[in-house]
Amino acid sequence: MNGNVLDTKEVSSLINIKPEMRGELKIPAFRHNEHYQYHKNSDGIVGHPNFKKGHPEECIEWGLPTIVFIAIITIYIILPIALIIGLVKLVNKIKRKKKSKNN
């Protein structure tokens, strides 16, 4: 990230390695459970957010403002449209029922 530190964590482990042998120490990557990808990745894996320059909390793509926006869209646009469609279908059904009784 152009020399900017995103986060730091000190890691230490006591391991015994016999002479002329080698050992392995696994250290998990930064926020590995969130499946981040390199920000210049040309493939762009869907569902994997990119590392971005800035504070680590700014890297989260599905933050609270996004969730609030989706909730507002759902409440003020999608639900009223669904309600109108349901009412139109109900009125048509009632009209057909009355028409069939009159005939």
C-alpha atoms as a PDB file:
ATOM      1  CA  MET A   1       0.000   0.000   0.000  1.00  0.00           C
ATOM      2  CA  ASN A   2       2.674   2.448  -1.071  1.00  0.00           C
ATOM      3  CA  GLY A   3       4.655   1.969   2.140  1.00  0.00           C
ATOM      4  CA  ASN A   4       1.697   2.700   4.462  1.00  0.00           C
ATOM      5  CA  VAL A   5       1.186   0.271   7.320  1.00  0.00           C
ATOM      6  CA  LEU A   6      -2.382  -1.049   7.448  1.00  0.00           C
ATOM      7  CA  ASP A   7      -2.103  -2.906  10.745  1.00  0.00           C
ATOM      8  CA  THR A   8       0.531  -4.427  12.991  1.00  0.00           C
ATOM      9  CA  LYS A   9       0.645  -7.428  15.264  1.00  0.00           C
ATOM     10  CA  GLU A  10       3.571  -8.841  17.229  1.00  0.00           C
ATOM     11  CA  VAL A  11       3.976 -12.591  16.902  1.00  0.00           C
ATOM     12  CA  SER A  12       6.354 -14.833  18.792  1.00  0.00           C
ATOM     13  CA  SER A  13       6.626 -18.558  19.209  1.00  0.00           C
ATOM     14  CA  LEU A  14       9.017 -20.907  20.937  1.00  0.00           C
ATOM     15  CA  ILE A  15       9.963 -23.751  18.614  1.00  0.00           C
ATOM     16  CA  ASN A  16      12.727 -26.328  18.855  1.00  0.00           C
ATOM     17  CA  ILE A  17      14.698 -26.978  15.692  1.00  0.00           C
ATOM     18  CA  LYS A  18      17.383 -29.627  15.709  1.00  0.00           C
ATOM     19  CA  PRO A  19      20.718 -28.725  14.069  1.00  0.00           C
ATOM     20  CA  GLU A  20      20.663 -28.975  10.281  1.00  0.00           C
ATOM     21  CA  MET A  21      16.886 -29.338  10.319  1.00  0.00           C
ATOM     22  CA  ARG A  22      14.249 -26.801   9.463  1.00  0.00           C
ATOM     23  CA  GLY A  23      10.980 -25.769  11.037  1.00  0.00           C
ATOM     24  CA  GLU A  24       7.816 -24.048  10.006  1.00  0.00           C
ATOM     25  CA  LEU A  25       5.848 -21.294  11.686  1.00  0.00           C
ATOM     26  CA  LYS A  26       2.427 -20.393  10.300  1.00  0.00           C
ATOM     27  CA  ILE A  27       1.293 -16.810  10.826  1.00  0.00           C
ATOM     28  CA  PRO A  28      -2.176 -15.910   9.562  1.00  0.00           C
ATOM     29  CA  ALA A  29      -2.405 -13.014   7.097  1.00  0.00           C
ATOM     30  CA  PHE A  30      -3.989  -9.668   7.914  1.00  0.00           C
ATOM     31  CA  ARG A  31      -7.758 -10.185   8.454  1.00  0.00           C
ATOM     32  CA  HIS A  32      -7.471 -13.574   6.726  1.00  0.00           C
ATOM     33  CA  ASN A  33     -11.007 -14.634   7.683  1.00  0.00           C
ATOM     34  CA  GLU A  34     -12.445 -11.785   5.558  1.00  0.00           C
ATOM     35  CA  HIS A  35     -10.803 -13.134   2.358  1.00  0.00           C
ATOM     36  CA  TYR A  36      -9.253  -9.891   1.127  1.00  0.00           C
ATOM     37  CA  GLN A  37      -7.467  -9.712  -2.208  1.00  0.00           C
ATOM     38  CA  TYR A  38      -4.750  -7.421  -3.557  1.00  0.00           C
ATOM     39  CA  HIS A  39      -6.299  -4.122  -4.700  1.00  0.00           C
ATOM     40  CA  LYS A  40      -4.664  -4.273  -8.147  1.00  0.00           C
ATOM     41  CA  ASN A  41      -5.820  -7.836  -8.809  1.00  0.00           C
ATOM     42  CA  SER A  42      -6.977  -7.778 -12.438  1.00  0.00           C
ATOM     43  CA  ASP A  43      -9.133 -10.904 -12.008  1.00  0.00           C
ATOM     44  CA  GLY A  44     -11.193  -9.391  -9.179  1.00  0.00           C
ATOM     45  CA  ILE A  45     -12.604 -12.340  -7.232  1.00  0.00           C
ATOM     46  CA  VAL A  46     -16.320 -11.724  -6.604  1.00  0.00           C
ATOM     47  CA  GLY A  47     -17.177 -11.496  -2.911  1.00  0.00           C
ATOM     48  CA  HIS A  48     -13.583 -10.806  -1.872  1.00  0.00           C
ATOM     49  CA  PRO A  49     -13.052  -7.148  -0.919  1.00  0.00           C
ATOM     50  CA  ASN A  50      -9.862  -5.356  -1.942  1.00  0.00           C
ATOM     51  CA  PHE A  51      -7.265  -3.991   0.429  1.00  0.00           C
ATOM     52  CA  LYS A  52      -7.544  -0.222   0.208  1.00  0.00           C
ATOM     53  CA  LYS A  53      -5.173   2.511   1.256  1.00  0.00           C
ATOM     54  CA  GLY A  54      -6.276   3.971   4.552  1.00  0.00           C
ATOM     55  CA  HIS A  55      -7.476   2.859   7.954  1.00  0.00           C
ATOM     56  CA  PRO A  56      -8.332  -0.879   8.220  1.00  0.00           C
ATOM     57  CA  GLU A  57     -11.980  -0.142   9.085  1.00  0.00           C
ATOM     58  CA  GLU A  58     -12.288   1.679   5.744  1.00  0.00           C
ATOM     59  CA  CYS A  59     -11.470  -1.585   3.962  1.00  0.00           C
ATOM     60  CA  ILE A  60     -14.820  -3.159   4.814  1.00  0.00           C
ATOM     61  CA  GLU A  61     -17.090  -2.839   1.784  1.00  0.00           C
ATOM     62  CA  TRP A  62     -20.319  -3.913   3.535  1.00  0.00           C
ATOM     63  CA  GLY A  63     -20.270  -1.347   6.318  1.00  0.00           C
ATOM     64  CA  LEU A  64     -23.202   0.035   8.296  1.00  0.00           C
ATOM     65  CA  PRO A  65     -23.979   2.847   5.793  1.00  0.00           C
ATOM     66  CA  THR A  66     -24.396   0.283   2.997  1.00  0.00           C
ATOM     67  CA  ILE A  67     -26.711  -1.882   5.085  1.00  0.00           C
ATOM     68  CA  VAL A  68     -28.790   1.160   6.126  1.00  0.00           C
ATOM     69  CA  PHE A  69     -29.041   2.248   2.474  1.00  0.00           C
ATOM     70  CA  ILE A  70     -30.270  -1.205   1.425  1.00  0.00           C
ATOM     71  CA  ALA A  71     -32.822  -1.208   4.272  1.00  0.00           C
ATOM     72  CA  ILE A  72     -34.135   2.231   3.232  1.00  0.00           C
ATOM     73  CA  ILE A  73     -34.428   1.177  -0.412  1.00  0.00           C
ATOM     74  CA  THR A  74     -36.288  -1.969   0.646  1.00  0.00           C
ATOM     75  CA  ILE A  75     -38.720  -0.151   2.956  1.00  0.00           C
ATOM     76  CA  TYR A  76     -39.481   2.856   0.767  1.00  0.00           C
ATOM     77  CA  ILE A  77     -39.367   1.385  -2.744  1.00  0.00           C
ATOM     78  CA  ILE A  78     -39.609  -2.403  -2.922  1.00  0.00           C
ATOM     79  CA  LEU A  79     -42.279  -2.946  -0.230  1.00  0.00           C
ATOM     80  CA  PRO A  80     -44.695  -0.289  -1.576  1.00  0.00           C
ATOM     81  CA  ILE A  81     -44.373  -1.688  -5.108  1.00  0.00           C
ATOM     82  CA  ALA A  82     -45.041  -5.200  -3.829  1.00  0.00           C
ATOM     83  CA  LEU A  83     -48.040  -3.914  -1.840  1.00  0.00           C
ATOM     84  CA  ILE A  84     -49.506  -2.136  -4.896  1.00  0.00           C
ATOM     85  CA  ILE A  85     -49.073  -5.227  -7.088  1.00  0.00           C
ATOM     86  CA  GLY A  86     -50.718  -7.384  -4.409  1.00  0.00           C
ATOM     87  CA  LEU A  87     -53.662  -4.990  -4.052  1.00  0.00           C
ATOM     88  CA  VAL A  88     -54.187  -4.810  -7.849  1.00  0.00           C
ATOM     89  CA  LYS A  89     -54.237  -8.613  -8.038  1.00  0.00           C
ATOM     90  CA  LEU A  90     -56.689  -8.782  -5.115  1.00  0.00           C
ATOM     91  CA  VAL A  91     -59.043  -6.224  -6.716  1.00  0.00           C
ATOM     92  CA  ASN A  92     -58.942  -8.120 -10.028  1.00  0.00           C
ATOM     93  CA  LYS A  93     -59.718 -11.373  -8.238  1.00  0.00           C
ATOM     94  CA  ILE A  94     -62.696  -9.777  -6.442  1.00  0.00           C
ATOM     95  CA  LYS A  95     -63.957  -8.294  -9.746  1.00  0.00           C
ATOM     96  CA  ARG A  96     -63.750 -11.699 -11.447  1.00  0.00           C
ATOM     97  CA  LYS A  97     -65.564 -13.335  -8.544  1.00  0.00           C
ATOM     98  CA  LYS A  98     -68.405 -10.732  -8.677  1.00  0.00           C
ATOM     99  CA  LYS A  99     -68.601 -11.044 -12.460  1.00  0.00           C
ATOM    100  CA  SER A 100     -68.909 -14.845 -12.290  1.00  0.00           C
ATOM    101  CA  LYS A 101     -71.676 -14.574  -9.631  1.00  0.00           C
ATOM    102  CA  ASN A 102     -73.651 -12.090 -11.769  1.00  0.00           C
ATOM    103  CA  ASN A 103     -73.519 -14.368 -14.849  1.00  0.00           C
END
